[in-house]
Amino acid sequence: MLRSVLLTPLYLLTAGIVALHAPAAAACPPSDPNHLVYQRRSSPDRCEGINRQAISASFNLVSLATSNLTNLGDTLRLQVPNMGGIPNITLRSFERRYQVDSFTPELSQNKYQLHLDTRIIRQAEVAANSLRAIASLPGSQPIYIPVIIGQPSSSYQFVLYSPARTQINSFEIRHNNQVIHSQQRPNPRRGEMVFSWDGRNQPRGLYQLWVLAELQQRGQRPETVTRVFSFYHDPAWFR
């Protein structure tokens, strides 16, 4: 269990904010479309490519997705359930520094969708199992919606990222102020930290992910941080 944390209104507004939703077109000016560099591309209009600066500078949630993807075909479909607003969606591979974002998804069958030609992904030699995706509704306190990459699996995959060695003392999923799932990672590591949760038997609603972590940066005393991320869940999304 997490130790008691006093949450002020300001904390509730700021906790759980994730970085790395790229700004608009100025961040990726058009270039030679045959180059793999991160740039503005068409059909659909988006920013895509190898982004050398697309690594998180802080400890954060970088992916909340469900997928059974093992191989890449000619087209990759991303889907985000419609929760009342157009979500910001980012697809990336930290392994290859690949990223696609700054696009407007189309609403179809109550899901926001992107059908993406995988030419750039395949040329960049991005492995299907390295793809991470995150979607959030805009606002002062983002609320996250799981991204379906290809077809859904039987669980969500949460990916935390830290540039510093990080020990996860508590990873809790809460609903209606009750802890319904808990894990920990006592061995410190840097980079991606992957957690899974099977929510098929949990009701539809708004959930919170609570993370208590210890950041171990060289030359500094360990820092204990708490992050709270709100996300929507519906067991129907696994079907």
C-alpha atoms as a PDB file:
ATOM      1  CA  MET A   1       0.000   0.000   0.000  1.00  0.00           C
ATOM      2  CA  LEU A   2       1.057   3.564  -0.590  1.00  0.00           C
ATOM      3  CA  ARG A   3       1.829   5.603   2.461  1.00  0.00           C
ATOM      4  CA  SER A   4      -0.641   8.371   3.198  1.00  0.00           C
ATOM      5  CA  VAL A   5      -0.321  11.393   0.897  1.00  0.00           C
ATOM      6  CA  LEU A   6      -2.030  14.731   1.508  1.00  0.00           C
ATOM      7  CA  LEU A   7      -3.343  15.965  -1.828  1.00  0.00           C
ATOM      8  CA  THR A   8      -3.844  19.714  -2.130  1.00  0.00           C
ATOM      9  CA  PRO A   9      -6.046  21.151  -4.883  1.00  0.00           C
ATOM     10  CA  LEU A  10      -2.918  22.328  -6.696  1.00  0.00           C
ATOM     11  CA  TYR A  11      -1.455  18.821  -6.551  1.00  0.00           C
ATOM     12  CA  LEU A  12      -4.640  17.359  -7.975  1.00  0.00           C
ATOM     13  CA  LEU A  13      -4.375  19.766 -10.893  1.00  0.00           C
ATOM     14  CA  THR A  14      -0.745  19.023 -11.632  1.00  0.00           C
ATOM     15  CA  ALA A  15      -0.091  15.394 -10.677  1.00  0.00           C
ATOM     16  CA  GLY A  16      -0.055  12.909 -13.454  1.00  0.00           C
ATOM     17  CA  ILE A  17       0.745  15.293 -16.288  1.00  0.00           C
ATOM     18  CA  VAL A  18       2.766  13.542 -18.990  1.00  0.00           C
ATOM     19  CA  ALA A  19       5.256  15.194 -21.276  1.00  0.00           C
ATOM     20  CA  LEU A  20       5.974  14.539 -24.895  1.00  0.00           C
ATOM     21  CA  HIS A  21       2.809  15.519 -26.702  1.00  0.00           C
ATOM     22  CA  ALA A  22       4.676  17.346 -29.452  1.00  0.00           C
ATOM     23  CA  PRO A  23       3.653  20.895 -30.267  1.00  0.00           C
ATOM     24  CA  ALA A  24       2.117  21.741 -33.598  1.00  0.00           C
ATOM     25  CA  ALA A  25       3.684  21.858 -37.035  1.00  0.00           C
ATOM     26  CA  ALA A  26       6.589  24.132 -36.104  1.00  0.00           C
ATOM     27  CA  ALA A  27       8.143  21.193 -34.244  1.00  0.00           C
ATOM     28  CA  CYS A  28       8.261  19.084 -37.414  1.00  0.00           C
ATOM     29  CA  PRO A  29       8.619  21.172 -40.591  1.00  0.00           C
ATOM     30  CA  PRO A  30       8.185  19.309 -43.884  1.00  0.00           C
ATOM     31  CA  SER A  31      11.274  17.839 -45.518  1.00  0.00           C
ATOM     32  CA  ASP A  32      12.088  15.127 -48.038  1.00  0.00           C
ATOM     33  CA  PRO A  33       9.343  12.521 -47.400  1.00  0.00           C
ATOM     34  CA  ASN A  34      11.804   9.766 -48.275  1.00  0.00           C
ATOM     35  CA  HIS A  35      13.941  10.674 -45.267  1.00  0.00           C
ATOM     36  CA  LEU A  36      13.180   8.995 -41.950  1.00  0.00           C
ATOM     37  CA  VAL A  37      13.672  12.190 -39.926  1.00  0.00           C
ATOM     38  CA  TYR A  38      10.694  13.330 -37.816  1.00  0.00           C
ATOM     39  CA  GLN A  39       8.776  15.728 -40.056  1.00  0.00           C
ATOM     40  CA  ARG A  40       5.357  16.862 -41.258  1.00  0.00           C
ATOM     41  CA  ARG A  41       3.865  14.258 -43.593  1.00  0.00           C
ATOM     42  CA  SER A  42       0.592  13.939 -45.510  1.00  0.00           C
ATOM     43  CA  SER A  43      -2.169  11.374 -46.017  1.00  0.00           C
ATOM     44  CA  PRO A  44      -2.995  11.604 -43.192  1.00  0.00           C
ATOM     45  CA  ASP A  45      -1.528  14.902 -42.035  1.00  0.00           C
ATOM     46  CA  ARG A  46       0.777  14.140 -39.092  1.00  0.00           C
ATOM     47  CA  CYS A  47       4.304  14.403 -37.694  1.00  0.00           C
ATOM     48  CA  GLU A  48       6.237  11.143 -38.075  1.00  0.00           C
ATOM     49  CA  GLY A  49       9.772   9.823 -38.131  1.00  0.00           C
ATOM     50  CA  ILE A  50      12.926   9.411 -36.080  1.00  0.00           C
ATOM     51  CA  ASN A  51      12.914  12.089 -33.398  1.00  0.00           C
ATOM     52  CA  ARG A  52      16.298  12.300 -31.656  1.00  0.00           C
ATOM     53  CA  GLN A  53      14.787  14.469 -28.930  1.00  0.00           C
ATOM     54  CA  ALA A  54      11.795  12.235 -28.188  1.00  0.00           C
ATOM     55  CA  ILE A  55      13.120  10.851 -24.909  1.00  0.00           C
ATOM     56  CA  SER A  56      11.390  11.832 -21.695  1.00  0.00           C
ATOM     57  CA  ALA A  57      13.468  14.066 -19.448  1.00  0.00           C
ATOM     58  CA  SER A  58      11.535  13.050 -16.337  1.00  0.00           C
ATOM     59  CA  PHE A  59       9.828  10.085 -14.684  1.00  0.00           C
ATOM     60  CA  ASN A  60       6.433   9.660 -16.314  1.00  0.00           C
ATOM     61  CA  LEU A  61       3.714   7.479 -17.776  1.00  0.00           C
ATOM     62  CA  VAL A  62       4.472   7.147 -21.488  1.00  0.00           C
ATOM     63  CA  SER A  63       2.072   4.424 -22.613  1.00  0.00           C
ATOM     64  CA  LEU A  64      -1.351   3.037 -21.740  1.00  0.00           C
ATOM     65  CA  ALA A  65      -2.428   0.594 -24.421  1.00  0.00           C
ATOM     66  CA  THR A  66      -3.818  -2.822 -25.232  1.00  0.00           C
ATOM     67  CA  SER A  67      -2.554  -4.812 -28.196  1.00  0.00           C
ATOM     68  CA  ASN A  68      -1.984  -8.296 -29.564  1.00  0.00           C
ATOM     69  CA  LEU A  69       0.317  -6.956 -32.292  1.00  0.00           C
ATOM     70  CA  THR A  70       3.210  -9.267 -33.180  1.00  0.00           C
ATOM     71  CA  ASN A  71       3.899  -8.311 -36.800  1.00  0.00           C
ATOM     72  CA  LEU A  72       3.470  -5.175 -38.889  1.00  0.00           C
ATOM     73  CA  GLY A  73       1.447  -5.257 -42.080  1.00  0.00           C
ATOM     74  CA  ASP A  74       1.174  -2.446 -44.612  1.00  0.00           C
ATOM     75  CA  THR A  75      -1.245  -0.494 -42.394  1.00  0.00           C
ATOM     76  CA  LEU A  76      -1.490  -0.055 -38.645  1.00  0.00           C
ATOM     77  CA  ARG A  77      -4.743   1.010 -36.993  1.00  0.00           C
ATOM     78  CA  LEU A  78      -4.860   2.959 -33.739  1.00  0.00           C
ATOM     79  CA  GLN A  79      -8.190   3.278 -31.926  1.00  0.00           C
ATOM     80  CA  VAL A  80      -9.172   5.346 -28.906  1.00  0.00           C
ATOM     81  CA  PRO A  81     -12.700   5.002 -27.453  1.00  0.00           C
ATOM     82  CA  ASN A  82     -14.806   8.137 -27.652  1.00  0.00           C
ATOM     83  CA  MET A  83     -15.070   9.650 -24.158  1.00  0.00           C
ATOM     84  CA  GLY A  84     -16.511  12.993 -25.177  1.00  0.00           C
ATOM     85  CA  GLY A  85     -13.606  14.853 -26.753  1.00  0.00           C
ATOM     86  CA  ILE A  86     -10.904  14.558 -29.398  1.00  0.00           C
ATOM     87  CA  PRO A  87      -7.894  12.929 -27.707  1.00  0.00           C
ATOM     88  CA  ASN A  88      -4.232  13.789 -28.137  1.00  0.00           C
ATOM     89  CA  ILE A  89      -2.545  10.588 -29.316  1.00  0.00           C
ATOM     90  CA  THR A  90       1.146   9.739 -29.567  1.00  0.00           C
ATOM     91  CA  LEU A  91       2.659   6.521 -30.897  1.00  0.00           C
ATOM     92  CA  ARG A  92       6.373   5.938 -30.350  1.00  0.00           C
ATOM     93  CA  SER A  93       9.190   3.460 -29.964  1.00  0.00           C
ATOM     94  CA  PHE A  94      11.815   4.485 -27.432  1.00  0.00           C
ATOM     95  CA  GLU A  95      14.054   1.722 -28.711  1.00  0.00           C
ATOM     96  CA  ARG A  96      14.310   3.369 -32.144  1.00  0.00           C
ATOM     97  CA  ARG A  97      13.311   6.942 -31.187  1.00  0.00           C
ATOM     98  CA  TYR A  98      10.415   6.705 -33.618  1.00  0.00           C
ATOM     99  CA  GLN A  99       7.383   8.935 -33.060  1.00  0.00           C
ATOM    100  CA  VAL A 100       4.086   9.893 -34.702  1.00  0.00           C
ATOM    101  CA  ASP A 101       1.773  12.588 -33.343  1.00  0.00           C
ATOM    102  CA  SER A 102       0.138  15.955 -34.151  1.00  0.00           C
ATOM    103  CA  PHE A 103      -2.695  14.416 -36.160  1.00  0.00           C
ATOM    104  CA  THR A 104      -6.484  14.630 -35.976  1.00  0.00           C
ATOM    105  CA  PRO A 105      -8.051  11.165 -35.642  1.00  0.00           C
ATOM    106  CA  GLU A 106     -11.286  10.313 -37.417  1.00  0.00           C
ATOM    107  CA  LEU A 107     -14.362   9.315 -35.421  1.00  0.00           C
ATOM    108  CA  SER A 108     -15.843   6.008 -36.606  1.00  0.00           C
ATOM    109  CA  GLN A 109     -18.013   3.496 -34.717  1.00  0.00           C
ATOM    110  CA  ASN A 110     -17.596   5.506 -31.516  1.00  0.00           C
ATOM    111  CA  LYS A 111     -13.806   5.309 -31.620  1.00  0.00           C
ATOM    112  CA  TYR A 112     -11.232   7.845 -32.769  1.00  0.00           C
ATOM    113  CA  GLN A 113      -9.024   6.137 -35.322  1.00  0.00           C
ATOM    114  CA  LEU A 114      -5.829   6.542 -37.298  1.00  0.00           C
ATOM    115  CA  HIS A 115      -4.960   4.266 -40.212  1.00  0.00           C
ATOM    116  CA  LEU A 116      -1.216   4.611 -40.607  1.00  0.00           C
ATOM    117  CA  ASP A 117       0.897   3.434 -43.536  1.00  0.00           C
ATOM    118  CA  THR A 118       3.751   1.525 -41.888  1.00  0.00           C
ATOM    119  CA  ARG A 119       6.420   2.347 -44.494  1.00  0.00           C
ATOM    120  CA  ILE A 120       8.302   4.684 -42.154  1.00  0.00           C
ATOM    121  CA  ILE A 121       7.962   2.280 -39.209  1.00  0.00           C
ATOM    122  CA  ARG A 122       9.315  -0.621 -41.241  1.00  0.00           C
ATOM    123  CA  GLN A 123      12.139   1.392 -42.806  1.00  0.00           C
ATOM    124  CA  ALA A 124      13.138   2.589 -39.333  1.00  0.00           C
ATOM    125  CA  GLU A 125      13.292  -1.070 -38.275  1.00  0.00           C
ATOM    126  CA  VAL A 126      10.842  -0.562 -35.436  1.00  0.00           C
ATOM    127  CA  ALA A 127       9.814  -3.826 -33.795  1.00  0.00           C
ATOM    128  CA  ALA A 128       6.063  -4.250 -33.373  1.00  0.00           C
ATOM    129  CA  ASN A 129       6.424  -5.105 -29.686  1.00  0.00           C
ATOM    130  CA  SER A 130       8.383  -1.903 -29.020  1.00  0.00           C
ATOM    131  CA  LEU A 131       5.503   0.390 -30.001  1.00  0.00           C
ATOM    132  CA  ARG A 132       4.050   2.458 -27.153  1.00  0.00           C
ATOM    133  CA  ALA A 133       0.954   4.652 -27.309  1.00  0.00           C
ATOM    134  CA  ILE A 134      -0.741   7.140 -25.049  1.00  0.00           C
ATOM    135  CA  ALA A 135      -3.912   9.200 -25.437  1.00  0.00           C
ATOM    136  CA  SER A 136      -5.376  11.885 -23.227  1.00  0.00           C
ATOM    137  CA  LEU A 137      -8.195  14.373 -23.224  1.00  0.00           C
ATOM    138  CA  PRO A 138      -6.921  17.961 -23.150  1.00  0.00           C
ATOM    139  CA  GLY A 139      -7.257  19.839 -19.897  1.00  0.00           C
ATOM    140  CA  SER A 140      -5.391  21.112 -16.863  1.00  0.00           C
ATOM    141  CA  GLN A 141      -5.481  17.591 -15.438  1.00  0.00           C
ATOM    142  CA  PRO A 142      -5.282  15.106 -18.316  1.00  0.00           C
ATOM    143  CA  ILE A 143      -7.455  12.009 -18.235  1.00  0.00           C
ATOM    144  CA  TYR A 144      -6.028   9.083 -20.158  1.00  0.00           C
ATOM    145  CA  ILE A 145      -7.825   6.657 -22.442  1.00  0.00           C
ATOM    146  CA  PRO A 146      -6.288   3.308 -23.411  1.00  0.00           C
ATOM    147  CA  VAL A 147      -5.094   3.085 -27.009  1.00  0.00           C
ATOM    148  CA  ILE A 148      -5.895  -0.047 -28.999  1.00  0.00           C
ATOM    149  CA  ILE A 149      -2.888  -0.828 -31.211  1.00  0.00           C
ATOM    150  CA  GLY A 150      -4.097  -3.154 -33.949  1.00  0.00           C
ATOM    151  CA  GLN A 151      -6.421  -5.488 -32.014  1.00  0.00           C
ATOM    152  CA  PRO A 152      -6.906  -5.508 -28.225  1.00  0.00           C
ATOM    153  CA  SER A 153      -5.431  -8.151 -25.950  1.00  0.00           C
ATOM    154  CA  SER A 154      -6.828  -9.320 -22.592  1.00  0.00           C
ATOM    155  CA  SER A 155      -5.001  -6.667 -20.561  1.00  0.00           C
ATOM    156  CA  TYR A 156      -3.656  -3.120 -20.487  1.00  0.00           C
ATOM    157  CA  GLN A 157       0.046  -2.434 -20.674  1.00  0.00           C
ATOM    158  CA  PHE A 158       1.229   0.547 -18.637  1.00  0.00           C
ATOM    159  CA  VAL A 159       4.742   1.786 -19.423  1.00  0.00           C
ATOM    160  CA  LEU A 160       6.601   4.127 -17.101  1.00  0.00           C
ATOM    161  CA  TYR A 161       9.816   5.750 -18.281  1.00  0.00           C
ATOM    162  CA  SER A 162      12.644   7.273 -16.277  1.00  0.00           C
ATOM    163  CA  PRO A 163      16.055   8.555 -17.401  1.00  0.00           C
ATOM    164  CA  ALA A 164      17.331   7.888 -13.853  1.00  0.00           C
ATOM    165  CA  ARG A 165      17.612   4.597 -11.993  1.00  0.00           C
ATOM    166  CA  THR A 166      14.170   4.152 -10.481  1.00  0.00           C
ATOM    167  CA  GLN A 167      12.723   1.810  -7.905  1.00  0.00           C
ATOM    168  CA  ILE A 168       8.941   1.329  -7.998  1.00  0.00           C
ATOM    169  CA  ASN A 169       7.894   0.915  -4.374  1.00  0.00           C
ATOM    170  CA  SER A 170       4.194   0.762  -5.168  1.00  0.00           C
ATOM    171  CA  PHE A 171       2.112   0.559  -8.348  1.00  0.00           C
ATOM    172  CA  GLU A 172      -1.596   0.663  -7.465  1.00  0.00           C
ATOM    173  CA  ILE A 173      -4.785   0.828  -9.495  1.00  0.00           C
ATOM    174  CA  ARG A 174      -7.679   2.317  -7.562  1.00  0.00           C
ATOM    175  CA  HIS A 175     -11.395   2.611  -8.199  1.00  0.00           C
ATOM    176  CA  ASN A 176     -13.848   4.347  -5.869  1.00  0.00           C
ATOM    177  CA  ASN A 177     -10.996   4.811  -3.358  1.00  0.00           C
ATOM    178  CA  GLN A 178     -10.351   1.064  -3.234  1.00  0.00           C
ATOM    179  CA  VAL A 179      -7.082  -0.595  -4.258  1.00  0.00           C
ATOM    180  CA  ILE A 180      -7.973  -3.306  -6.775  1.00  0.00           C
ATOM    181  CA  HIS A 181      -4.491  -4.124  -8.082  1.00  0.00           C
ATOM    182  CA  SER A 182      -0.997  -3.682  -6.679  1.00  0.00           C
ATOM    183  CA  GLN A 183       2.568  -4.429  -7.797  1.00  0.00           C
ATOM    184  CA  GLN A 184       6.096  -3.283  -6.986  1.00  0.00           C
ATOM    185  CA  ARG A 185       9.528  -3.373  -8.601  1.00  0.00           C
ATOM    186  CA  PRO A 186      12.154  -3.291  -5.844  1.00  0.00           C
ATOM    187  CA  ASN A 187      15.107  -3.568  -8.240  1.00  0.00           C
ATOM    188  CA  PRO A 188      16.110  -0.131  -9.592  1.00  0.00           C
ATOM    189  CA  ARG A 189      16.375   0.368 -13.346  1.00  0.00           C
ATOM    190  CA  ARG A 190      16.281   3.170 -15.889  1.00  0.00           C
ATOM    191  CA  GLY A 191      14.362   3.415 -19.139  1.00  0.00           C
ATOM    192  CA  GLU A 192      11.064   1.602 -19.661  1.00  0.00           C
ATOM    193  CA  MET A 193       9.223  -0.188 -16.855  1.00  0.00           C
ATOM    194  CA  VAL A 194       6.278  -2.277 -18.063  1.00  0.00           C
ATOM    195  CA  PHE A 195       3.263  -3.314 -15.971  1.00  0.00           C
ATOM    196  CA  SER A 196       0.164  -5.255 -17.041  1.00  0.00           C
ATOM    197  CA  TRP A 197      -3.348  -5.284 -15.648  1.00  0.00           C
ATOM    198  CA  ASP A 198      -6.260  -7.520 -16.659  1.00  0.00           C
ATOM    199  CA  GLY A 199      -9.350  -5.387 -16.121  1.00  0.00           C
ATOM    200  CA  ARG A 200     -11.891  -7.647 -17.805  1.00  0.00           C
ATOM    201  CA  ASN A 201     -13.742  -8.276 -14.534  1.00  0.00           C
ATOM    202  CA  GLN A 202     -13.745  -4.663 -13.388  1.00  0.00           C
ATOM    203  CA  PRO A 203     -16.659  -2.275 -14.075  1.00  0.00           C
ATOM    204  CA  ARG A 204     -16.638   0.644 -16.447  1.00  0.00           C
ATOM    205  CA  GLY A 205     -15.551   3.921 -14.915  1.00  0.00           C
ATOM    206  CA  LEU A 206     -12.822   6.349 -13.976  1.00  0.00           C
ATOM    207  CA  TYR A 207      -9.749   4.791 -12.344  1.00  0.00           C
ATOM    208  CA  GLN A 208      -6.521   6.099 -10.865  1.00  0.00           C
ATOM    209  CA  LEU A 209      -3.009   4.771 -11.157  1.00  0.00           C
ATOM    210  CA  TRP A 210      -0.931   5.630  -8.082  1.00  0.00           C
ATOM    211  CA  VAL A 211       2.830   5.229  -8.330  1.00  0.00           C
ATOM    212  CA  LEU A 212       5.296   5.665  -5.482  1.00  0.00           C
ATOM    213  CA  ALA A 213       8.865   5.665  -6.792  1.00  0.00           C
ATOM    214  CA  GLU A 214      12.395   6.371  -5.637  1.00  0.00           C
ATOM    215  CA  LEU A 215      14.582   8.161  -8.185  1.00  0.00           C
ATOM    216  CA  GLN A 216      18.289   7.516  -7.834  1.00  0.00           C
ATOM    217  CA  GLN A 217      20.304  10.096  -9.755  1.00  0.00           C
ATOM    218  CA  ARG A 218      24.078  10.026  -9.668  1.00  0.00           C
ATOM    219  CA  GLY A 219      25.594  12.510  -7.266  1.00  0.00           C
ATOM    220  CA  GLN A 220      22.238  13.295  -5.622  1.00  0.00           C
ATOM    221  CA  ARG A 221      20.286  11.934  -2.699  1.00  0.00           C
ATOM    222  CA  PRO A 222      17.431   9.556  -3.649  1.00  0.00           C
ATOM    223  CA  GLU A 223      14.168  11.370  -4.298  1.00  0.00           C
ATOM    224  CA  THR A 224      10.787   9.848  -3.436  1.00  0.00           C
ATOM    225  CA  VAL A 225       7.977  10.917  -5.766  1.00  0.00           C
ATOM    226  CA  THR A 226       4.280  10.137  -6.018  1.00  0.00           C
ATOM    227  CA  ARG A 227       2.434  10.276  -9.330  1.00  0.00           C
ATOM    228  CA  VAL A 228      -1.323   9.943  -9.824  1.00  0.00           C
ATOM    229  CA  PHE A 229      -2.767   9.324 -13.293  1.00  0.00           C
ATOM    230  CA  SER A 230      -6.530   9.171 -13.976  1.00  0.00           C
ATOM    231  CA  PHE A 231      -7.772   6.937 -16.788  1.00  0.00           C
ATOM    232  CA  TYR A 232     -11.006   5.578 -18.193  1.00  0.00           C
ATOM    233  CA  HIS A 233     -11.675   1.844 -18.288  1.00  0.00           C
ATOM    234  CA  ASP A 234     -14.374  -0.280 -19.897  1.00  0.00           C
ATOM    235  CA  PRO A 235     -14.088  -4.097 -20.032  1.00  0.00           C
ATOM    236  CA  ALA A 236     -15.834  -3.993 -23.436  1.00  0.00           C
ATOM    237  CA  TRP A 237     -12.660  -2.474 -24.917  1.00  0.00           C
ATOM    238  CA  PHE A 238     -10.901  -5.830 -24.614  1.00  0.00           C
ATOM    239  CA  ARG A 239     -13.381  -7.535 -26.954  1.00  0.00           C
END
